[in-house]
Amino acid sequence: MDFSKPKKIFIVDDDPMLTEALKDYLTRRIPHDVQIFHTGEACLNQLGSGPDLVILDFYMNTVQKDAANGLEILQVIKKHYPTVRVIMLSSQERYAVALQTIQKGAEQYVVKDEHAFEKIAQILAEI
């Protein structure tokens, strides 16, 4: 895809401050169509609209205790929409967690650190 062309991006994370900051960061240069979802279930309900990329938090059970976690949502996305690209975003720095998400279909695994937004923008530029 051409980086100069706006893309449809879903951000799925239960942290409202992070999601708004990431949306602002991604739309600052190019007016991407960024939609925010605070549960995986809400994202799944809109996947039929054809996002180019889903940025998915690994652990999202802080707002809604019975909500599915990111790995469960990733598996559903890849089962029903195998061509949708997914970046897993997490504060988990363990290699085993990253490997597990890649094995389940995530294209990339990005740790939530001071460079996370920049890494996501670089990945977005390549798709």
Protein backbone atom coordinates (compact mmCIF):
# COMPACT_ATOMS: atom_id res chain seq x y z
CA MET A 1 0.00 0.00 0.00
CA ASP A 2 1.04 3.56 -0.59
CA PHE A 3 1.92 5.29 2.71
CA SER A 4 0.48 8.55 1.44
CA LYS A 5 -2.94 6.92 1.06
CA PRO A 6 -5.11 7.01 4.18
CA LYS A 7 -5.82 3.60 5.67
CA LYS A 8 -8.63 2.25 7.81
CA ILE A 9 -7.18 1.39 11.21
CA PHE A 10 -8.85 -0.15 14.25
CA ILE A 11 -7.24 0.46 17.65
CA VAL A 12 -8.45 -2.02 20.26
CA ASP A 13 -7.33 -1.20 23.80
CA ASP A 14 -9.12 -0.53 27.08
CA ASP A 15 -6.92 2.47 27.89
CA PRO A 16 -8.73 5.60 26.63
CA MET A 17 -5.70 7.86 27.02
CA LEU A 18 -3.47 5.54 25.03
CA THR A 19 -6.02 5.02 22.26
CA GLU A 20 -6.65 8.75 21.80
CA ALA A 21 -2.93 9.53 21.85
CA LEU A 22 -2.19 6.82 19.29
CA LYS A 23 -5.04 7.97 17.08
CA ASP A 24 -3.72 11.53 17.21
CA TYR A 25 -0.20 10.34 16.41
CA LEU A 26 -1.32 8.25 13.43
CA THR A 27 -3.57 10.93 11.94
CA ARG A 28 -1.23 13.89 12.41
CA ARG A 29 0.46 13.57 8.98
CA ILE A 30 -2.04 11.51 7.02
CA PRO A 31 -5.80 11.56 7.68
CA HIS A 32 -6.17 7.84 8.36
CA ASP A 33 -9.64 6.59 9.26
CA VAL A 34 -8.94 5.48 12.83
CA GLN A 35 -11.66 3.85 14.89
CA ILE A 36 -11.22 3.11 18.57
CA PHE A 37 -12.71 0.12 20.39
CA HIS A 38 -12.34 -0.49 24.11
CA THR A 39 -13.30 -4.17 23.91
CA GLY A 40 -12.39 -6.86 21.44
CA GLU A 41 -16.03 -7.73 21.01
CA ALA A 42 -16.85 -4.22 19.80
CA CYS A 43 -14.06 -4.51 17.24
CA LEU A 44 -15.27 -7.90 16.03
CA ASN A 45 -18.72 -6.43 15.40
CA GLN A 46 -17.18 -3.95 12.92
CA LEU A 47 -14.60 -6.14 11.15
CA GLY A 48 -16.90 -6.56 8.17
CA SER A 49 -16.18 -2.94 7.26
CA GLY A 50 -12.71 -4.02 6.13
CA PRO A 51 -9.94 -2.40 8.16
CA ASP A 52 -6.46 -2.38 6.66
CA LEU A 53 -4.92 -2.86 10.09
CA VAL A 54 -5.99 -3.78 13.62
CA ILE A 55 -3.77 -2.65 16.51
CA LEU A 56 -4.77 -4.99 19.32
CA ASP A 57 -3.87 -4.87 23.00
CA PHE A 58 -2.80 -8.21 24.45
CA TYR A 59 -4.51 -7.74 27.80
CA MET A 60 -7.81 -5.87 27.95
CA ASN A 61 -9.65 -7.14 31.00
CA THR A 62 -9.29 -4.06 33.20
CA VAL A 63 -12.50 -2.31 32.13
CA GLN A 64 -14.79 -5.28 31.57
CA LYS A 65 -13.76 -8.28 33.66
CA ASP A 66 -15.43 -10.90 31.47
CA ALA A 67 -14.15 -9.45 28.18
CA ALA A 68 -12.03 -11.58 25.89
CA ASN A 69 -8.31 -10.93 25.97
CA GLY A 70 -6.28 -9.87 22.95
CA LEU A 71 -5.07 -13.35 22.11
CA GLU A 72 -8.65 -14.65 21.98
CA ILE A 73 -9.70 -11.74 19.77
CA LEU A 74 -6.68 -12.29 17.51
CA GLN A 75 -7.70 -15.91 16.99
CA VAL A 76 -11.26 -14.92 16.02
CA ILE A 77 -10.00 -12.24 13.63
CA LYS A 78 -7.62 -14.65 11.89
CA LYS A 79 -10.28 -17.38 11.69
CA HIS A 80 -12.96 -15.20 10.10
CA TYR A 81 -10.85 -12.48 8.43
CA PRO A 82 -7.49 -14.12 7.69
CA THR A 83 -6.27 -11.29 5.45
CA VAL A 84 -6.72 -8.57 8.08
CA ARG A 85 -3.34 -7.47 9.36
CA VAL A 86 -2.93 -7.34 13.13
CA ILE A 87 -0.27 -5.69 15.26
CA MET A 88 -0.29 -6.91 18.84
CA LEU A 89 0.45 -4.13 21.34
CA SER A 90 1.35 -5.01 24.90
CA SER A 91 3.26 -4.06 28.00
CA GLN A 92 4.36 -7.70 28.20
CA GLU A 93 8.05 -7.88 27.35
CA ARG A 94 8.30 -11.66 27.58
CA TYR A 95 9.55 -13.43 24.48
CA ALA A 96 7.07 -16.29 24.98
CA VAL A 97 4.10 -13.89 24.83
CA ALA A 98 5.38 -12.24 21.66
CA LEU A 99 6.06 -15.60 20.03
CA GLN A 100 2.62 -16.89 20.94
CA THR A 101 0.89 -13.92 19.29
CA ILE A 102 3.00 -14.24 16.12
CA GLN A 103 2.21 -17.96 15.96
CA LYS A 104 -1.50 -17.14 16.26
CA GLY A 105 -1.34 -14.73 13.33
CA ALA A 106 -0.19 -11.31 14.51
CA GLU A 107 2.02 -9.65 11.93
CA GLN A 108 4.08 -7.79 14.53
CA TYR A 109 4.41 -7.52 18.29
CA VAL A 110 5.09 -4.05 19.71
CA VAL A 111 5.92 -3.43 23.36
CA LYS A 112 4.21 -0.41 24.94
CA ASP A 113 7.22 1.77 25.56
CA GLU A 114 8.35 5.27 24.59
CA HIS A 115 8.99 4.10 21.01
CA ALA A 116 5.76 2.15 20.45
CA PHE A 117 3.90 4.80 18.41
CA GLU A 118 6.90 5.33 16.17
CA LYS A 119 7.25 1.57 15.60
CA ILE A 120 3.57 1.30 14.70
CA ALA A 121 3.87 4.19 12.25
CA GLN A 122 6.86 2.47 10.62
CA ILE A 123 4.92 -0.78 10.26
CA LEU A 124 1.96 1.14 8.85
CA ALA A 125 4.25 2.74 6.27
CA GLU A 126 5.23 -0.72 5.03
CA ILE A 127 1.72 -2.05 4.41
